[in-house]
């Protein structure tokens, strides 16, 4: 069999996340090309293909998966359908790049990872912040013990509640429908944060938490608090409030000789405090936030690099979320 030299991508679910964050990057990465897209709404699929100069579009996922020119699948639908489409792609023998959260729950995520492993089909979860220069720098600072031995991680993410207008916007509303998203905004945003913690500090010894619906504006929980004790003794404490009066996004990694401060979602750089010295590391904004990850995934699919985030790693994050949010 002739070796594959180019990854020809097919996207299932060409919605908002693919407009800027990911979609255009597939044609900007070496040895990568976006050749087909699918959306159940045929008009929207055709419009996306026209605007992004994609050769083919479909309104049926099976047709895209079985397109002989497509040799890799990117699943960018809401979480409730990730398992279905991933299993179909795996059955077709095509490697899968799946959006986060990986699935609607841990059981579905584990099933996806097991299926890919059994079929010897490559799978990557889109925890793309791992490939950002900012988080690579944080990992370097921790590995080199610039702040000494890491002791504690504190995280606080606060957002105002959805307005009536936002609740009426279907592109936002699905995120707080547990039947589609698996939970609320915690399930949408926390995977980015928890995966970085896992990437930095490894396996957890104990994970606890609680979740509740304080405002009662929608079905999903809007307040989550959690704690993690990592196997290496590092302690994490986090709070996620989505009915607050203000917006806040702050994470601090505290060591025996200093601390690192940064934001997951609000931009900015890294603030490093050691003794009485503060050092700021700035980073250019990425035009397509998934491009570094897509490059790593493409290299992995071509056999030119390691898996940047395996299905089993993705399932660990799903398990942590269930342990923190009480399975809701």
Protein backbone atom coordinates (compact mmCIF):
# COMPACT_ATOMS: atom_id res chain seq x y z
CA UNK A 1 0.00 0.00 0.00
CA UNK A 2 1.30 3.43 -0.93
CA UNK A 3 2.15 5.58 2.09
CA UNK A 4 -0.12 8.57 2.73
CA UNK A 5 1.75 11.85 2.34
CA UNK A 6 -1.16 14.28 2.80
CA UNK A 7 -3.99 14.26 5.31
CA UNK A 8 -7.22 15.01 3.43
CA UNK A 9 -9.64 16.16 6.08
CA UNK A 10 -13.40 15.86 6.24
CA UNK A 11 -15.22 17.94 8.87
CA UNK A 12 -18.42 16.66 10.47
CA UNK A 13 -20.24 19.68 11.89
CA UNK A 14 -18.97 22.84 10.20
CA UNK A 15 -20.42 25.25 12.75
CA UNK A 16 -19.03 28.28 14.59
CA UNK A 17 -15.96 26.56 16.04
CA UNK A 18 -14.73 25.79 12.51
CA UNK A 19 -15.14 29.29 11.08
CA UNK A 20 -11.92 30.76 12.51
CA UNK A 21 -10.65 28.63 15.38
CA UNK A 22 -9.96 25.47 13.38
CA UNK A 23 -11.36 25.23 9.83
CA UNK A 24 -8.98 27.51 7.90
CA UNK A 25 -5.96 26.01 9.65
CA UNK A 26 -6.39 22.66 7.90
CA UNK A 27 -5.23 24.32 4.68
CA UNK A 28 -2.42 26.27 6.36
CA UNK A 29 -0.61 23.29 7.85
CA UNK A 30 1.94 21.41 5.78
CA UNK A 31 0.76 18.11 4.28
CA UNK A 32 -2.84 18.89 5.23
CA UNK A 33 -5.88 19.75 3.11
CA UNK A 34 -9.57 20.29 3.85
CA UNK A 35 -11.46 18.47 1.09
CA UNK A 36 -15.00 17.97 2.43
CA UNK A 37 -17.43 19.26 5.06
CA UNK A 38 -20.73 18.03 6.41
CA UNK A 39 -23.64 19.67 8.17
CA UNK A 40 -27.18 18.35 8.48
CA UNK A 41 -28.49 21.63 7.09
CA UNK A 42 -27.54 21.28 3.41
CA UNK A 43 -27.78 25.01 2.75
CA UNK A 44 -25.38 25.85 5.57
CA UNK A 45 -23.00 23.08 4.48
CA UNK A 46 -22.97 24.40 0.91
CA UNK A 47 -22.46 27.97 2.13
CA UNK A 48 -19.51 26.96 4.33
CA UNK A 49 -17.90 25.03 1.48
CA UNK A 50 -18.31 27.98 -0.88
CA UNK A 51 -16.91 30.57 1.54
CA UNK A 52 -13.95 28.41 2.58
CA UNK A 53 -13.23 27.02 -0.88
CA UNK A 54 -13.85 23.40 0.14
CA UNK A 55 -14.31 21.10 -2.88
CA UNK A 56 -17.24 19.03 -1.56
CA UNK A 57 -20.00 19.23 1.01
CA UNK A 58 -22.49 16.74 2.43
CA UNK A 59 -25.62 16.75 4.59
CA UNK A 60 -25.07 13.12 5.60
CA UNK A 61 -22.14 12.11 7.81
CA UNK A 62 -21.86 8.57 6.44
CA UNK A 63 -21.35 9.95 2.95
CA UNK A 64 -18.48 12.14 4.13
CA UNK A 65 -16.91 9.34 6.17
CA UNK A 66 -17.02 7.02 3.16
CA UNK A 67 -15.72 9.59 0.69
CA UNK A 68 -12.65 7.79 -0.72
CA UNK A 69 -10.62 11.02 -0.88
CA UNK A 70 -11.18 11.75 2.83
CA UNK A 71 -8.56 9.96 4.92
CA UNK A 72 -9.10 11.69 8.31
CA UNK A 73 -12.19 12.93 10.16
CA UNK A 74 -12.55 16.02 12.36
CA UNK A 75 -15.68 15.80 14.55
CA UNK A 76 -16.85 19.30 15.50
CA UNK A 77 -20.48 18.64 16.44
CA UNK A 78 -21.93 19.10 19.94
CA UNK A 79 -20.78 16.38 22.39
CA UNK A 80 -23.98 14.29 22.24
CA UNK A 81 -23.05 12.98 18.77
CA UNK A 82 -19.28 12.59 19.18
CA UNK A 83 -19.45 8.91 20.07
CA UNK A 84 -21.72 8.03 17.15
CA UNK A 85 -19.57 9.74 14.56
CA UNK A 86 -16.26 8.60 16.07
CA UNK A 87 -17.34 4.95 16.03
CA UNK A 88 -18.47 5.28 12.41
CA UNK A 89 -15.13 6.79 11.40
CA UNK A 90 -13.21 4.13 13.32
CA UNK A 91 -15.24 1.40 11.60
CA UNK A 92 -14.25 2.96 8.27
CA UNK A 93 -10.61 2.81 9.38
CA UNK A 94 -10.12 6.58 9.32
CA UNK A 95 -8.21 8.45 12.06
CA UNK A 96 -10.28 10.80 14.20
CA UNK A 97 -9.68 14.27 15.64
CA UNK A 98 -12.57 14.97 18.02
CA UNK A 99 -13.58 18.21 19.69
CA UNK A 100 -13.72 18.71 23.44
CA UNK A 101 -15.47 17.84 25.59
CA UNK A 102 -14.62 14.44 24.14
CA UNK A 103 -18.12 13.04 24.64
CA UNK A 104 -21.31 13.53 26.60
CA UNK A 105 -19.95 11.48 29.51
CA UNK A 106 -17.02 9.34 30.63
CA UNK A 107 -18.60 6.05 29.53
CA UNK A 108 -18.97 7.30 25.95
CA UNK A 109 -15.43 8.71 25.92
CA UNK A 110 -13.96 5.44 27.22
CA UNK A 111 -15.93 3.52 24.60
CA UNK A 112 -14.50 5.73 21.85
CA UNK A 113 -10.94 5.27 23.10
CA UNK A 114 -11.39 1.51 23.46
CA UNK A 115 -12.85 1.22 19.95
CA UNK A 116 -9.96 3.17 18.41
CA UNK A 117 -7.44 1.04 20.30
CA UNK A 118 -9.11 -2.24 19.31
CA UNK A 119 -9.24 -1.21 15.65
CA UNK A 120 -5.71 0.25 15.69
CA UNK A 121 -7.12 3.56 14.44
CA UNK A 122 -5.50 6.80 15.58
CA UNK A 123 -7.54 9.20 17.72
CA UNK A 124 -6.71 12.65 19.08
CA UNK A 125 -8.80 14.89 21.36
CA UNK A 126 -8.77 18.63 20.59
CA UNK A 127 -7.21 19.85 23.83
CA UNK A 128 -5.35 22.31 21.68
CA UNK A 129 -4.01 24.58 24.41
CA UNK A 130 -1.28 21.99 25.00
CA UNK A 131 0.37 23.22 21.80
CA UNK A 132 0.17 26.95 22.56
CA UNK A 133 3.50 28.69 23.21
CA UNK A 134 2.04 30.09 26.45
CA UNK A 135 1.34 26.69 28.00
CA UNK A 136 4.56 25.21 26.65
CA UNK A 137 6.37 28.01 28.50
CA UNK A 138 4.45 27.28 31.70
CA UNK A 139 5.39 23.61 31.41
CA UNK A 140 9.03 24.62 30.91
CA UNK A 141 8.99 26.89 33.99
CA UNK A 142 7.52 24.11 36.13
CA UNK A 143 9.83 21.40 34.77
CA UNK A 144 12.88 23.59 35.39
CA UNK A 145 11.55 24.40 38.89
CA UNK A 146 11.82 28.13 38.38
CA UNK A 147 9.19 28.47 41.15
CA UNK A 148 10.72 25.63 43.15
CA UNK A 149 8.55 22.64 43.97
CA UNK A 150 4.93 23.17 42.91
CA UNK A 151 2.61 23.11 45.93
CA UNK A 152 -0.79 24.46 44.98
CA UNK A 153 -2.90 25.51 41.98
CA UNK A 154 -5.77 27.96 42.44
CA UNK A 155 -8.31 28.63 39.70
CA UNK A 156 -11.32 30.95 39.54
CA UNK A 157 -13.56 31.37 36.50
CA UNK A 158 -16.57 33.66 36.88
CA UNK A 159 -19.03 34.76 34.21
CA UNK A 160 -22.36 36.53 34.17
CA UNK A 161 -25.47 34.45 33.52
CA UNK A 162 -26.80 34.03 29.99
CA UNK A 163 -29.22 36.75 28.95
CA UNK A 164 -32.61 36.04 27.38
CA UNK A 165 -31.11 36.89 24.02
CA UNK A 166 -28.28 34.40 24.53
CA UNK A 167 -30.71 31.72 25.66
CA UNK A 168 -32.62 32.25 22.42
CA UNK A 169 -29.46 31.84 20.33
CA UNK A 170 -29.23 28.18 19.29
CA UNK A 171 -25.47 28.50 18.76
CA UNK A 172 -25.12 29.21 22.50
CA UNK A 173 -28.16 27.53 24.04
CA UNK A 174 -27.01 23.96 23.35
CA UNK A 175 -24.09 24.53 25.71
CA UNK A 176 -26.41 24.69 28.72
CA UNK A 177 -28.63 21.79 27.62
CA UNK A 178 -27.31 18.69 29.46
CA UNK A 179 -28.89 16.36 26.89
CA UNK A 180 -26.62 17.84 24.20
CA UNK A 181 -23.56 19.11 26.09
CA UNK A 182 -23.48 16.74 29.06
CA UNK A 183 -23.91 19.61 31.50
CA UNK A 184 -23.55 23.37 31.50
CA UNK A 185 -20.85 25.91 30.73
CA UNK A 186 -18.53 24.02 33.10
CA UNK A 187 -18.62 21.11 30.67
CA UNK A 188 -17.81 23.47 27.79
CA UNK A 189 -14.90 25.40 29.33
CA UNK A 190 -13.43 23.30 32.15
CA UNK A 191 -12.03 20.59 29.82
CA UNK A 192 -9.47 23.12 28.55
CA UNK A 193 -8.36 23.90 32.09
CA UNK A 194 -8.44 20.39 33.53
CA UNK A 195 -6.52 18.99 30.58
CA UNK A 196 -3.71 21.50 31.08
CA UNK A 197 -3.55 20.49 34.75
CA UNK A 198 -3.34 16.85 33.69
CA UNK A 199 -0.73 17.72 31.06
CA UNK A 200 1.36 19.58 33.66
CA UNK A 201 0.93 17.45 36.76
CA UNK A 202 -0.17 13.96 35.70
CA UNK A 203 -2.59 11.55 37.30
CA UNK A 204 -4.89 12.37 40.19
CA UNK A 205 -4.99 10.46 43.48
CA UNK A 206 -8.30 11.97 44.56
CA UNK A 207 -10.92 14.17 42.86
CA UNK A 208 -13.89 15.68 44.68
CA UNK A 209 -16.40 18.44 44.05
CA UNK A 210 -19.93 19.69 44.01
CA UNK A 211 -22.28 21.34 41.53
CA UNK A 212 -25.58 23.12 41.88
CA UNK A 213 -28.01 25.28 39.97
CA UNK A 214 -28.06 28.51 41.97
CA UNK A 215 -29.87 30.88 39.61
CA UNK A 216 -32.32 28.38 38.11
CA UNK A 217 -32.17 30.15 34.75
CA UNK A 218 -31.62 26.95 32.81
CA UNK A 219 -31.44 23.19 33.38
CA UNK A 220 -27.69 22.92 33.83
CA UNK A 221 -25.67 23.59 36.96
CA UNK A 222 -24.20 27.09 37.04
CA UNK A 223 -21.93 26.75 40.09
CA UNK A 224 -19.16 24.15 40.39
CA UNK A 225 -16.35 23.78 42.90
CA UNK A 226 -13.69 21.09 42.87
CA UNK A 227 -10.48 19.83 44.39
CA UNK A 228 -7.80 17.52 43.04
CA UNK A 229 -4.95 15.84 44.90
CA UNK A 230 -2.39 14.75 42.32
CA UNK A 231 -0.30 11.63 42.81
CA UNK A 232 2.79 13.85 43.16
CA UNK A 233 1.24 15.67 46.14
CA UNK A 234 0.25 18.87 44.33
CA UNK A 235 -3.15 20.23 45.37
CA UNK A 236 -5.67 21.97 43.08
CA UNK A 237 -8.66 24.04 44.12
CA UNK A 238 -11.07 25.51 41.56
CA UNK A 239 -14.35 27.41 41.43
CA UNK A 240 -16.52 27.98 38.36
CA UNK A 241 -19.44 30.39 38.75
CA UNK A 242 -21.64 31.23 35.76
CA UNK A 243 -24.16 33.50 37.49
CA UNK A 244 -21.79 36.13 38.92
CA UNK A 245 -21.96 39.91 38.60
CA UNK A 246 -18.48 40.08 37.09
CA UNK A 247 -16.17 38.29 34.70
CA UNK A 248 -12.97 36.80 36.07
CA UNK A 249 -10.46 34.28 34.71
CA UNK A 250 -7.38 33.67 36.82
CA UNK A 251 -5.14 30.73 37.54
CA UNK A 252 -2.14 30.70 39.86
CA UNK A 253 0.46 27.97 40.23
CA UNK A 254 2.19 28.44 43.57
CA UNK A 255 5.56 26.90 44.36
CA UNK A 256 8.07 26.88 47.18
CA UNK A 257 10.05 29.75 45.60
CA UNK A 258 7.54 31.70 43.52
CA UNK A 259 4.32 31.59 41.54
CA UNK A 260 2.98 31.71 37.98
CA UNK A 261 -0.19 33.64 37.11
CA UNK A 262 -2.14 33.52 33.85
CA UNK A 263 -5.56 33.45 32.21
CA UNK A 264 -7.02 30.53 30.26
CA UNK A 265 -9.49 32.50 28.16
CA UNK A 266 -8.96 36.26 28.55
CA UNK A 267 -5.65 36.52 26.71
CA UNK A 268 -2.53 38.12 28.09
CA UNK A 269 0.72 36.48 29.01
CA UNK A 270 2.41 34.86 31.97
CA UNK A 271 3.26 36.68 35.18
CA UNK A 272 6.17 35.03 36.97
CA UNK A 273 6.94 36.10 40.52
CA UNK A 274 10.15 34.85 42.14
CA UNK A 275 11.26 36.57 45.32
CA UNK A 276 10.77 40.30 44.72
CA UNK A 277 11.16 40.00 40.93
CA UNK A 278 8.23 39.97 38.52
CA UNK A 279 8.82 38.78 34.97
CA UNK A 280 6.22 39.05 32.20
CA UNK A 281 6.17 36.70 29.22
CA UNK A 282 4.05 37.97 26.34
CA UNK A 283 2.79 35.93 23.38
CA UNK A 284 1.32 36.92 20.05
CA UNK A 285 -2.36 36.10 19.58
CA UNK A 286 -2.99 33.13 17.31
CA UNK A 287 -5.15 33.77 14.25
CA UNK A 288 -6.43 30.19 14.36
CA UNK A 289 -6.18 28.88 17.92
CA UNK A 290 -6.14 25.24 16.84
CA UNK A 291 -3.46 25.57 14.17
CA UNK A 292 -0.51 24.40 16.33
CA UNK A 293 -2.55 21.38 17.45
CA UNK A 294 -3.71 20.58 13.92
CA UNK A 295 -0.07 20.61 12.84
CA UNK A 296 0.79 18.14 15.63
CA UNK A 297 -2.22 15.95 14.78
CA UNK A 298 -1.32 15.92 11.08
CA UNK A 299 2.24 14.87 11.91
CA UNK A 300 0.94 12.11 14.18
CA UNK A 301 -1.50 10.82 11.58
CA UNK A 302 1.36 10.73 9.04
CA UNK A 303 3.57 8.83 11.45
CA UNK A 304 5.95 11.75 11.98
CA UNK A 305 5.31 12.53 15.64
CA UNK A 306 3.67 11.42 18.91
CA UNK A 307 -0.02 11.60 19.75
CA UNK A 308 -0.56 15.14 21.13
CA UNK A 309 -3.61 14.05 23.20
CA UNK A 310 -4.89 10.48 23.10
CA UNK A 311 -8.44 9.27 23.47
CA UNK A 312 -7.58 7.76 26.82
CA UNK A 313 -6.18 11.09 28.03
CA UNK A 314 -9.39 12.75 26.88
CA UNK A 315 -11.44 10.19 28.77
CA UNK A 316 -9.50 10.96 31.96
CA UNK A 317 -10.69 14.56 31.74
CA UNK A 318 -14.28 13.38 31.26
CA UNK A 319 -13.92 11.24 34.38
CA UNK A 320 -12.55 14.15 36.41
CA UNK A 321 -15.46 16.34 35.29
CA UNK A 322 -17.97 13.74 36.45
CA UNK A 323 -16.20 13.37 39.79
CA UNK A 324 -16.16 17.16 40.31
CA UNK A 325 -19.70 17.86 39.09
CA UNK A 326 -21.30 14.81 40.67
CA UNK A 327 -21.93 13.04 37.37
CA UNK A 328 -24.21 15.82 36.14
